[in-house]
Amino acid sequence: MMAAMTPKPGQDGGNAGPEKAGPPGRPAPGKVTLNDVALLAGVDRSVVSRVINDDPRLNIRPDTRRRVLETIEKLGYRRNAAARSLRTARSYMLGLFIPDFANPVYAEIIKGAETEAGRVGYGLMTASSEGIRQGVDHYIDLFGHGRVDGLLFAGEESGRELEQLRALRLPWVLVNRRIEGSDRYVVLDDEHGSRLAVEHLVALGHRRIAHVAGPETADTARRRRAGYSAAMSSAGLAADPRLVVHADYTPAGGRAAMDELLAAEHRPTAVFVANVASAVGVLHAVHAAGLSAPADLSVIAMHDMPLADHLVPALTTVRMPLGELGARAVRMMASRGPSEPITEVVAEPVEVVVRASTGPPRGTAA
């Protein structure tokens, strides 16, 4: 069961005995042990173990607890993860599978997941399907044989991989992905973010707004396109299907999609891009066509990254809680059983970060 991710009380020692009042000692040179901490803190070894594991049944004075924690910090004591795994038949590792390390969006998700995993006493093993011959099958086979206790799946899955996970009885949760028949996912409110992007452009005076969407098969792309269409409809604007071009989440994909939009008879005055990596290619296409943003075309993209502030022009974005997405997925894995439904939507905070790439259409006042 994945419902209890934190170690059970007393895993590093037996039942607590009375506190020892003897004088503190000094650990011998080399690796710090539980006995070293107990000796220097002047308590029984089992007391140290139960303080480390935050045993709610441990009854000691606050100053004793504080002394133990200060000693742990002073000596730099770390629990023996290998011994703990042998005792519990668990790896104390989680796996995170992503499509591509080059996509900066996943870096933020990984950071959030890694921080939360550490907080609950786990490590995080990350793998990507990009550029490997073995592909998803290889990693699912590895993950499913005791190397991890659960899998966070952010890949572009077909459903077949989830059947493999079910067969292996490995707890899993989809990260910013939903597929038909699955009730274990943690996603962002992409529709809300897309609506904010379009509303920003409408408020600037734009009426012919294009959308460089993600891959048609991607759940994230479908949700972002739904938000775009809803916002256009709410503004009383026709969603011209010729202004929606699908592309993969890469600069090359964004470049190709923008080239297609610029070749249209009636160019858009603004474009909402479904991914910040694609937006890099969009800005490149605008520049290559002898145009400039925002004078000729305003550009806004989903997701905010430090690099957005250093593009030319600096890119207006919709900041989404990517780190919280990764952290929430780990927390849900920690708090729910392997067969319990997980249907989380991380809704806040979502905000437009206005930079230099958006402005009023040419010929209108700010």
Protein backbone atom coordinates (compact mmCIF):
# COMPACT_ATOMS: atom_id res chain seq x y z
CA MET A 1 0.00 0.00 0.00
CA MET A 2 1.17 3.53 -0.79
CA ALA A 3 -1.12 5.14 1.76
CA ALA A 4 1.68 5.55 4.31
CA MET A 5 4.85 6.89 2.74
CA THR A 6 6.62 7.87 5.93
CA PRO A 7 8.56 5.17 7.78
CA LYS A 8 6.83 3.34 10.59
CA PRO A 9 7.80 4.33 14.11
CA GLY A 10 10.74 2.49 15.52
CA GLN A 11 12.21 1.28 12.24
CA ASP A 12 15.70 2.33 13.32
CA GLY A 13 15.45 0.81 16.80
CA GLY A 14 13.27 -1.11 19.26
CA ASN A 15 10.82 0.10 21.90
CA ALA A 16 11.93 3.17 23.77
CA GLY A 17 13.32 2.67 27.23
CA PRO A 18 14.00 5.26 29.89
CA GLU A 19 16.01 8.32 28.98
CA LYS A 20 19.67 8.05 29.94
CA ALA A 21 21.16 10.85 31.94
CA GLY A 22 24.82 9.95 31.47
CA PRO A 23 27.35 12.47 30.19
CA PRO A 24 27.47 12.96 26.40
CA GLY A 25 30.32 11.37 24.48
CA ARG A 26 32.00 12.05 21.18
CA PRO A 27 31.55 9.86 18.06
CA ALA A 28 34.59 8.09 16.72
CA PRO A 29 35.91 9.23 13.34
CA GLY A 30 33.98 7.77 10.39
CA LYS A 31 30.29 7.29 9.63
CA VAL A 32 27.93 8.65 12.28
CA THR A 33 25.63 5.99 13.74
CA LEU A 34 22.44 6.01 15.77
CA ASN A 35 24.50 5.03 18.81
CA ASP A 36 26.75 8.07 18.33
CA VAL A 37 23.72 10.37 18.40
CA ALA A 38 22.27 8.63 21.46
CA LEU A 39 25.58 8.84 23.34
CA LEU A 40 26.15 12.53 22.63
CA ALA A 41 22.51 13.43 23.38
CA GLY A 42 22.52 11.39 26.58
CA VAL A 43 19.45 9.30 25.73
CA ASP A 44 18.64 5.72 24.82
CA ARG A 45 19.18 4.64 21.20
CA SER A 46 15.48 3.85 20.78
CA VAL A 47 14.58 7.40 21.84
CA VAL A 48 16.67 8.77 18.99
CA SER A 49 15.01 6.36 16.56
CA ARG A 50 11.52 7.38 17.61
CA VAL A 51 12.35 11.10 17.48
CA ILE A 52 13.67 10.63 13.94
CA ASN A 53 10.50 8.81 12.91
CA ASP A 54 8.26 11.33 14.71
CA ASP A 55 6.57 8.61 16.77
CA PRO A 56 3.38 10.15 18.26
CA ARG A 57 3.49 7.64 21.13
CA LEU A 58 6.88 8.82 22.35
CA ASN A 59 6.54 10.73 25.62
CA ILE A 60 9.66 12.78 26.40
CA ARG A 61 10.33 16.31 27.63
CA PRO A 62 10.45 19.06 24.98
CA ASP A 63 14.03 19.96 25.93
CA THR A 64 15.08 16.33 25.46
CA ARG A 65 13.51 16.21 22.01
CA ARG A 66 15.22 19.47 21.12
CA ARG A 67 18.58 18.16 22.33
CA VAL A 68 18.22 15.02 20.20
CA LEU A 69 17.35 17.02 17.09
CA GLU A 70 20.23 19.43 17.67
CA THR A 71 22.62 16.50 18.06
CA ILE A 72 21.37 14.91 14.83
CA GLU A 73 22.01 18.20 13.05
CA LYS A 74 25.39 18.70 14.70
CA LEU A 75 26.69 15.25 13.79
CA GLY A 76 25.10 15.20 10.37
CA TYR A 77 23.42 11.84 11.04
CA ARG A 78 21.58 10.26 8.09
CA ARG A 79 19.38 7.19 8.23
CA ASN A 80 20.64 4.05 6.54
CA ALA A 81 18.26 3.83 3.60
CA ALA A 82 19.60 0.46 2.42
CA ALA A 83 19.02 -1.18 5.80
CA ARG A 84 15.59 0.40 6.03
CA SER A 85 14.67 -1.00 2.59
CA LEU A 86 15.77 -4.50 3.59
CA ARG A 87 13.63 -4.38 6.73
CA THR A 88 10.52 -3.08 4.98
CA ALA A 89 10.87 -4.72 1.52
CA ARG A 90 10.44 -1.29 -0.04
CA SER A 91 12.83 0.80 -2.11
CA TYR A 92 11.85 4.24 -0.75
CA MET A 93 12.15 5.53 -4.30
CA LEU A 94 9.51 6.97 -6.62
CA GLY A 95 9.78 7.01 -10.40
CA LEU A 96 8.87 10.00 -12.58
CA PHE A 97 8.54 9.31 -16.30
CA ILE A 98 8.54 12.31 -18.67
CA PRO A 99 8.60 12.60 -22.47
CA ASP A 100 11.59 14.92 -22.85
CA PHE A 101 14.26 16.42 -20.58
CA ALA A 102 14.79 19.25 -23.07
CA ASN A 103 11.33 20.71 -22.40
CA PRO A 104 11.84 23.30 -19.62
CA VAL A 105 8.31 22.73 -18.34
CA TYR A 106 9.31 19.33 -16.99
CA ALA A 107 12.24 20.79 -15.08
CA GLU A 108 9.78 22.71 -12.90
CA ILE A 109 7.60 19.64 -12.38
CA ILE A 110 10.65 17.55 -11.44
CA LYS A 111 11.81 20.14 -8.88
CA GLY A 112 8.42 20.20 -7.18
CA ALA A 113 8.16 16.40 -7.12
CA GLU A 114 11.73 15.94 -5.87
CA THR A 115 11.30 18.43 -3.02
CA GLU A 116 8.07 16.81 -1.85
CA ALA A 117 9.49 13.29 -2.16
CA GLY A 118 12.39 14.30 0.07
CA ARG A 119 9.99 15.80 2.58
CA VAL A 120 8.17 12.48 3.00
CA GLY A 121 11.39 10.44 3.16
CA TYR A 122 11.70 9.28 -0.44
CA GLY A 123 14.10 9.70 -3.35
CA LEU A 124 13.02 10.41 -6.93
CA MET A 125 14.24 8.55 -10.01
CA THR A 126 13.49 10.37 -13.28
CA ALA A 127 13.51 8.88 -16.78
CA SER A 128 12.62 10.09 -20.27
CA SER A 129 11.41 8.33 -23.39
CA GLU A 130 13.25 10.80 -25.65
CA GLY A 131 16.32 9.46 -27.43
CA ILE A 132 16.30 5.91 -26.03
CA ARG A 133 15.81 2.77 -28.03
CA GLN A 134 14.15 0.85 -25.24
CA GLY A 135 11.33 3.37 -24.88
CA VAL A 136 8.55 3.26 -22.32
CA ASP A 137 8.43 -0.55 -22.15
CA HIS A 138 12.02 -0.68 -20.91
CA TYR A 139 11.45 1.69 -18.01
CA ILE A 140 8.11 0.27 -16.98
CA ASP A 141 9.76 -3.14 -16.81
CA LEU A 142 12.52 -1.70 -14.60
CA PHE A 143 10.18 0.35 -12.42
CA GLY A 144 7.81 -2.54 -11.97
CA HIS A 145 10.25 -4.95 -10.38
CA GLY A 146 10.92 -3.43 -7.01
CA ARG A 147 13.08 -0.50 -8.04
CA VAL A 148 10.39 2.05 -7.13
CA ASP A 149 7.37 2.02 -4.85
CA GLY A 150 5.22 4.08 -7.21
CA LEU A 151 5.32 5.80 -10.59
CA LEU A 152 4.39 9.36 -11.56
CA PHE A 153 3.60 9.16 -15.27
CA ALA A 154 3.91 12.41 -17.25
CA GLY A 155 4.50 10.70 -20.61
CA GLU A 156 2.32 10.89 -23.69
CA GLU A 157 0.72 7.55 -22.92
CA SER A 158 -1.55 5.50 -25.17
CA GLY A 159 -3.23 3.51 -22.43
CA ARG A 160 -1.25 0.33 -23.11
CA GLU A 161 1.42 1.41 -20.63
CA LEU A 162 -1.18 1.74 -17.90
CA GLU A 163 -2.33 -1.80 -18.55
CA GLN A 164 1.27 -2.88 -17.97
CA LEU A 165 1.33 -0.97 -14.69
CA ARG A 166 -1.90 -2.58 -13.57
CA ALA A 167 -0.53 -6.01 -14.42
CA LEU A 168 2.58 -5.29 -12.35
CA ARG A 169 0.45 -3.94 -9.50
CA LEU A 170 2.63 -0.87 -9.27
CA PRO A 171 0.87 2.20 -7.80
CA TRP A 172 0.82 5.07 -10.32
CA VAL A 173 -0.68 8.47 -10.98
CA LEU A 174 -0.84 10.46 -14.22
CA VAL A 175 0.78 13.91 -14.05
CA ASN A 176 -1.02 16.57 -16.11
CA ARG A 177 -2.48 13.84 -18.27
CA ARG A 178 -5.92 12.26 -18.38
CA ILE A 179 -7.01 9.31 -20.47
CA GLU A 180 -10.35 7.63 -20.87
CA GLY A 181 -10.97 5.03 -18.21
CA SER A 182 -8.41 6.41 -15.74
CA ASP A 183 -9.38 7.96 -12.42
CA ARG A 184 -5.85 8.55 -11.10
CA TYR A 185 -4.51 11.88 -12.29
CA VAL A 186 -3.28 15.27 -11.09
CA VAL A 187 -3.64 18.03 -13.70
CA LEU A 188 -3.38 21.80 -14.05
CA ASP A 189 -6.36 24.00 -14.84
CA ASP A 190 -5.22 24.52 -18.43
CA GLU A 191 -8.60 25.77 -19.61
CA HIS A 192 -8.51 28.61 -17.08
CA GLY A 193 -4.96 29.53 -18.07
CA SER A 194 -5.92 29.61 -21.75
CA ARG A 195 -8.90 31.82 -21.06
CA LEU A 196 -6.68 34.29 -19.22
CA ALA A 197 -4.30 34.41 -22.20
CA VAL A 198 -7.09 35.17 -24.70
CA GLU A 199 -8.74 37.68 -22.36
CA HIS A 200 -5.43 39.55 -22.11
CA LEU A 201 -5.22 39.83 -25.90
CA VAL A 202 -8.87 40.87 -26.22
CA ALA A 203 -8.38 43.58 -23.61
CA LEU A 204 -5.54 44.98 -25.73
CA GLY A 205 -7.94 45.28 -28.67
CA HIS A 206 -7.12 42.14 -30.67
CA ARG A 207 -9.94 40.43 -32.53
CA ARG A 208 -8.17 38.11 -34.96
CA ILE A 209 -6.42 35.83 -32.49
CA ALA A 210 -4.68 32.62 -33.61
CA HIS A 211 -3.79 29.60 -31.54
CA VAL A 212 -0.63 27.52 -31.96
CA ALA A 213 -2.00 24.42 -30.27
CA GLY A 214 -0.18 21.34 -29.02
CA PRO A 215 -0.36 17.85 -30.59
CA GLU A 216 -3.93 16.82 -31.37
CA THR A 217 -3.52 13.59 -29.39
CA ALA A 218 -2.30 15.33 -26.21
CA ASP A 219 -4.77 15.84 -23.37
CA THR A 220 -3.05 19.10 -22.42
CA ALA A 221 -3.49 20.45 -25.97
CA ARG A 222 -7.19 19.57 -25.99
CA ARG A 223 -7.76 21.35 -22.68
CA ARG A 224 -5.85 24.46 -23.79
CA ARG A 225 -7.74 24.60 -27.08
CA ALA A 226 -11.02 24.27 -25.18
CA GLY A 227 -10.05 27.27 -23.03
CA TYR A 228 -9.09 29.26 -26.14
CA SER A 229 -12.43 28.49 -27.85
CA ALA A 230 -14.44 29.30 -24.73
CA ALA A 231 -12.69 32.66 -24.27
CA MET A 232 -13.18 33.59 -27.94
CA SER A 233 -16.87 32.74 -27.68
CA SER A 234 -17.27 34.74 -24.46
CA ALA A 235 -15.71 37.75 -26.21
CA GLY A 236 -18.15 37.41 -29.11
CA LEU A 237 -15.37 36.45 -31.52
CA ALA A 238 -15.59 33.72 -34.14
CA ALA A 239 -13.02 30.97 -33.64
CA ASP A 240 -11.82 30.65 -37.23
CA PRO A 241 -10.53 27.05 -37.63
CA ARG A 242 -7.90 28.37 -40.07
CA LEU A 243 -6.36 30.25 -37.14
CA VAL A 244 -5.70 27.05 -35.15
CA VAL A 245 -2.55 25.12 -36.09
CA HIS A 246 -1.33 22.07 -34.17
CA ALA A 247 2.35 21.51 -33.47
CA ASP A 248 4.53 19.57 -31.07
CA TYR A 249 5.86 21.26 -27.95
CA THR A 250 9.22 22.24 -29.46
CA PRO A 251 10.73 25.40 -30.97
CA ALA A 252 10.76 23.66 -34.38
CA GLY A 253 7.07 22.86 -34.05
CA GLY A 254 6.28 26.44 -33.10
CA ARG A 255 8.31 27.78 -36.03
CA ALA A 256 6.49 25.56 -38.55
CA ALA A 257 3.05 26.44 -37.15
CA MET A 258 3.77 30.18 -37.20
CA ASP A 259 5.09 30.00 -40.76
CA GLU A 260 1.73 28.49 -41.75
CA LEU A 261 -0.24 31.24 -40.00
CA LEU A 262 1.89 33.98 -41.56
CA ALA A 263 1.27 32.51 -45.02
CA ALA A 264 -2.51 32.91 -44.61
CA GLU A 265 -4.35 35.51 -46.65
CA HIS A 266 -5.52 37.33 -43.53
CA ARG A 267 -2.84 37.23 -40.87
CA PRO A 268 -3.73 37.22 -37.20
CA THR A 269 -2.79 40.23 -35.09
CA ALA A 270 -2.08 38.06 -32.05
CA VAL A 271 -1.32 34.45 -31.23
CA PHE A 272 -1.75 32.35 -28.11
CA VAL A 273 0.89 29.58 -27.99
CA ALA A 274 0.16 26.43 -26.00
CA ASN A 275 3.70 25.99 -24.71
CA VAL A 276 6.65 28.27 -23.94
CA ALA A 277 9.09 26.10 -25.93
CA SER A 278 6.86 26.41 -29.01
CA ALA A 279 6.73 30.17 -28.46
CA VAL A 280 10.50 30.37 -28.99
CA GLY A 281 9.94 29.04 -32.50
CA VAL A 282 7.00 31.40 -33.02
CA LEU A 283 9.15 34.45 -32.22
CA HIS A 284 11.83 33.11 -34.56
CA ALA A 285 9.30 32.80 -37.40
CA VAL A 286 8.05 36.35 -36.81
CA HIS A 287 11.59 37.71 -36.95
CA ALA A 288 12.49 35.63 -40.03
CA ALA A 289 9.45 37.07 -41.84
CA GLY A 290 10.74 40.59 -41.30
CA LEU A 291 8.08 41.35 -38.72
CA SER A 292 8.33 42.30 -35.07
CA ALA A 293 6.43 41.60 -31.90
CA PRO A 294 4.31 43.24 -30.68
CA ALA A 295 4.16 45.89 -33.43
CA ASP A 296 3.03 43.39 -36.09
CA LEU A 297 1.95 40.45 -33.94
CA SER A 298 1.43 39.99 -30.20
CA VAL A 299 2.57 36.68 -28.70
CA ILE A 300 1.56 35.11 -25.40
CA ALA A 301 2.41 31.57 -24.26
CA MET A 302 1.30 29.07 -21.67
CA HIS A 303 3.79 28.50 -18.81
CA ASP A 304 6.34 30.90 -17.43
CA MET A 305 10.07 30.18 -17.34
CA PRO A 306 13.11 32.28 -16.41
CA LEU A 307 14.15 32.16 -20.08
CA ALA A 308 10.94 34.01 -21.08
CA ASP A 309 12.34 37.21 -19.60
CA HIS A 310 15.50 36.92 -21.72
CA LEU A 311 13.93 36.38 -25.14
CA VAL A 312 13.72 39.23 -27.65
CA PRO A 313 11.20 40.58 -27.05
CA ALA A 314 10.62 39.37 -23.48
CA LEU A 315 7.74 36.91 -23.69
CA THR A 316 4.36 37.49 -22.06
CA THR A 317 3.24 34.24 -20.41
CA VAL A 318 0.60 32.60 -18.28
CA ARG A 319 2.32 31.41 -15.12
CA MET A 320 1.06 27.99 -14.03
CA PRO A 321 1.86 26.14 -10.75
CA LEU A 322 4.18 23.54 -12.28
CA GLY A 323 6.18 22.93 -9.11
CA GLU A 324 2.99 22.46 -7.11
CA LEU A 325 1.76 20.03 -9.77
CA GLY A 326 4.76 17.76 -9.17
CA ALA A 327 4.50 18.14 -5.39
CA ARG A 328 0.75 17.45 -5.36
CA ALA A 329 1.22 14.28 -7.41
CA VAL A 330 3.70 12.99 -4.82
CA ARG A 331 1.39 13.96 -1.95
CA MET A 332 -1.55 12.16 -3.56
CA MET A 333 0.59 9.07 -4.05
CA ALA A 334 1.53 9.31 -0.37
CA SER A 335 -1.97 9.77 0.99
CA ARG A 336 -4.04 7.44 -1.20
CA GLY A 337 -4.06 3.69 -1.57
CA PRO A 338 -2.95 2.10 -4.86
CA SER A 339 -6.52 1.62 -6.09
CA GLU A 340 -8.17 4.75 -4.68
CA PRO A 341 -9.32 7.41 -7.18
CA ILE A 342 -7.15 10.52 -7.56
CA THR A 343 -8.80 13.31 -9.57
CA GLU A 344 -6.94 16.45 -8.55
CA VAL A 345 -6.94 19.78 -10.40
CA VAL A 346 -4.22 22.22 -9.29
CA ALA A 347 -5.99 25.53 -9.88
CA GLU A 348 -3.91 28.17 -8.14
CA PRO A 349 -1.95 30.29 -8.61
CA VAL A 350 -2.52 31.09 -12.30
CA GLU A 351 -1.66 34.56 -13.58
CA VAL A 352 -0.66 36.49 -16.68
CA VAL A 353 2.91 37.80 -16.58
CA VAL A 354 2.93 40.80 -18.93
CA ARG A 355 6.18 41.46 -20.79
CA ALA A 356 7.16 43.14 -24.05
CA SER A 357 5.73 40.63 -26.57
CA THR A 358 2.12 41.79 -26.29
CA GLY A 359 0.57 45.18 -27.08
CA PRO A 360 -2.37 46.78 -28.92
CA PRO A 361 -2.84 45.97 -32.62
CA ARG A 362 -1.10 48.29 -35.08
CA GLY A 363 -3.01 51.51 -35.57
CA THR A 364 -4.86 51.44 -32.22
CA ALA A 365 -4.21 53.33 -29.03
CA ALA A 366 -2.87 51.60 -25.95
